[in-house]
C-alpha atoms as a PDB file:
ATOM      1  CA  MET A   1     -11.086   1.218  -9.123  1.00  0.00           C
ATOM      2  CA  LYS A   2     -14.538   1.900  -7.024  1.00  0.00           C
ATOM      3  CA  SER A   3     -15.815   4.838  -5.784  1.00  0.00           C
ATOM      4  CA  CYS A   4     -16.729   6.123  -2.530  1.00  0.00           C
ATOM      5  CA  PRO A   5     -19.365   8.808  -1.397  1.00  0.00           C
ATOM      6  CA  THR A   6     -16.376   9.782   1.355  1.00  0.00           C
ATOM      7  CA  GLY A   7     -14.386  10.834  -1.769  1.00  0.00           C
ATOM      8  CA  LYS A   8     -11.412   7.769  -0.624  1.00  0.00           C
ATOM      9  CA  LYS A   9     -10.063   5.398  -3.177  1.00  0.00           C
ATOM     10  CA  ALA A  10     -11.431   2.292  -3.078  1.00  0.00           C
ATOM     11  CA  PHE A  11     -10.679  -1.216  -3.849  1.00  0.00           C
ATOM     12  CA  ALA A  12     -12.629  -3.855  -4.406  1.00  0.00           C
ATOM     13  CA  SER A  13     -11.181  -6.909  -2.449  1.00  0.00           C
ATOM     14  CA  LEU A  14      -9.370  -7.445   0.604  1.00  0.00           C
ATOM     15  CA  GLU A  15      -6.280  -8.914  -1.647  1.00  0.00           C
ATOM     16  CA  VAL A  16      -6.499  -5.807  -4.257  1.00  0.00           C
ATOM     17  CA  ALA A  17      -5.864  -3.212  -1.033  1.00  0.00           C
ATOM     18  CA  GLU A  18      -3.608  -5.618   0.411  1.00  0.00           C
ATOM     19  CA  ASP A  19      -1.318  -5.819  -3.130  1.00  0.00           C
ATOM     20  CA  VAL A  20      -1.557  -2.044  -3.543  1.00  0.00           C
ATOM     21  CA  LEU A  21      -0.811  -1.383   0.172  1.00  0.00           C
ATOM     22  CA  ILE A  22       2.375  -3.665  -0.008  1.00  0.00           C
ATOM     23  CA  GLU A  23       2.896  -1.345  -3.786  1.00  0.00           C
ATOM     24  CA  THR A  24       2.669   1.407  -1.955  1.00  0.00           C
ATOM     25  CA  TRP A  25       5.280   0.817   0.162  1.00  0.00           C
ATOM     26  CA  SER A  26       7.389  -0.467  -2.518  1.00  0.00           C
ATOM     27  CA  ARG A  27       7.238   3.052  -4.669  1.00  0.00           C
ATOM     28  CA  PHE A  28       7.249   5.441  -1.451  1.00  0.00           C
ATOM     29  CA  GLU A  29       9.411   6.528   0.870  1.00  0.00           C
ATOM     30  CA  PHE A  30       7.482   7.078   4.215  1.00  0.00           C
ATOM     31  CA  ALA A  31       8.802   9.087   7.332  1.00  0.00           C
ATOM     32  CA  PRO A  32       8.432   6.681  10.932  1.00  0.00           C
ATOM     33  CA  ASN A  33       4.680   6.646  11.896  1.00  0.00           C
ATOM     34  CA  GLN A  34       3.714   7.824   8.690  1.00  0.00           C
ATOM     35  CA  GLY A  35       1.954   6.684   5.593  1.00  0.00           C
ATOM     36  CA  PRO A  36      -0.861   4.113   5.132  1.00  0.00           C
ATOM     37  CA  ILE A  37      -0.385   0.559   7.487  1.00  0.00           C
ATOM     38  CA  ALA A  38      -3.565  -1.548   7.356  1.00  0.00           C
ATOM     39  CA  VAL A  39      -6.430  -1.812   5.372  1.00  0.00           C
ATOM     40  CA  TYR A  40     -10.694  -1.759   6.264  1.00  0.00           C
ATOM     41  CA  LYS A  41     -13.882  -1.911   4.594  1.00  0.00           C
ATOM     42  CA  CYS A  42     -15.717   0.809   4.299  1.00  0.00           C
ATOM     43  CA  ASP A  43     -19.198   0.937   5.953  1.00  0.00           C
ATOM     44  CA  ASP A  44     -20.239   3.781   3.657  1.00  0.00           C
ATOM     45  CA  CYS A  45     -19.360   1.899   0.555  1.00  0.00           C
ATOM     46  CA  GLY A  46     -18.737  -1.858   1.541  1.00  0.00           C
ATOM     47  CA  TYR A  47     -15.385  -2.040  -0.158  1.00  0.00           C
ATOM     48  CA  TYR A  48     -11.967  -1.408   1.152  1.00  0.00           C
ATOM     49  CA  HIS A  49      -9.474   1.590   1.938  1.00  0.00           C
ATOM     50  CA  LEU A  50      -6.137   2.302   2.821  1.00  0.00           C
ATOM     51  CA  THR A  51      -5.293   3.365   6.308  1.00  0.00           C
ATOM     52  CA  SER A  52      -2.715   4.684   8.201  1.00  0.00           C
ATOM     53  CA  GLN A  53      -4.056   3.643  11.535  1.00  0.00           C
ATOM     54  CA  GLY A  54      -4.830   0.798  13.312  1.00  0.00           C
ATOM     55  CA  ILE A  55      -2.544  -2.529  13.544  1.00  0.00           C
ATOM     56  CA  LEU A  56       0.126  -2.957  10.628  1.00  0.00           C
ATOM     57  CA  ASN A  57      -1.036  -5.100   7.860  1.00  0.00           C
ATOM     58  CA  GLU A  58       0.407  -8.663   8.761  1.00  0.00           C
ATOM     59  CA  LYS A  59       1.133  -9.144   4.774  1.00  0.00           C
ATOM     60  CA  LEU A  60       3.194  -5.806   4.946  1.00  0.00           C
ATOM     61  CA  LYS A  61       4.909  -6.883   7.983  1.00  0.00           C
ATOM     62  CA  LYS A  62       5.963 -10.224   6.647  1.00  0.00           C
ATOM     63  CA  LYS A  63       7.421  -8.151   3.804  1.00  0.00           C
ATOM     64  CA  LEU A  64       9.079  -5.540   5.599  1.00  0.00           C
ATOM     65  CA  GLU A  65      10.525  -7.929   7.837  1.00  0.00           C
ATOM     66  CA  ASP A  66      12.065 -10.288   4.736  1.00  0.00           C
ATOM     67  CA  GLY A  67      13.391  -7.234   2.944  1.00  0.00           C
ATOM     68  CA  SER A  68      11.129  -8.012   0.084  1.00  0.00           C
ATOM     69  CA  ILE A  69       9.430  -4.606  -0.171  1.00  0.00           C
ATOM     70  CA  ALA A  70      13.292  -2.768   0.256  1.00  0.00           C
ATOM     71  CA  ARG A  71      14.455  -5.026  -2.854  1.00  0.00           C
ATOM     72  CA  GLN A  72      11.457  -4.196  -4.831  1.00  0.00           C
ATOM     73  CA  LYS A  73      12.284  -0.399  -4.035  1.00  0.00           C
ATOM     74  CA  GLU A  74      15.834  -1.021  -5.403  1.00  0.00           C
ATOM     75  CA  ALA A  75      14.634  -2.931  -8.421  1.00  0.00           C
ATOM     76  CA  ASN A  76      12.045   0.626  -8.981  1.00  0.00           C
ATOM     77  CA  ARG A  77      15.141   2.718  -8.212  1.00  0.00           C
ATOM     78  CA  TRP A  78      17.215   1.062 -11.163  1.00  0.00           C
ATOM     79  CA  LEU A  79      14.415   1.097 -13.634  1.00  0.00           C
ATOM     80  CA  ASP A  80      13.612   4.759 -12.676  1.00  0.00           C
ATOM     81  CA  LYS A  81      17.053   5.383 -13.437  1.00  0.00           C
ATOM     82  CA  PHE A  82      17.041   3.573 -16.926  1.00  0.00           C
ATOM     83  CA  LYS A  83      13.621   4.921 -17.919  1.00  0.00           C
ATOM     84  CA  LYS A  84      15.151   8.674 -18.113  1.00  0.00           C
ATOM     85  CA  ARG A  85      17.912   7.938 -19.975  1.00  0.00           C
END
């Protein structure tokens, strides 16, 4: 992970930032209209950040619609249960 003078988490490429965006949705629960929904390139550092503003990222939208994020959430819940044993 790179650094940004704004203090935000910075990712070296659009692809990495989108992967982190999708992974974030598979790991955490967000209230309606909360949480990161998009990626943008920062004018200060030149790297990419997650944002809760703007238009829903197309890759995230597709994975939400096709159920793959819901399936990954369920898999993560089971993994967490097994780790606690």
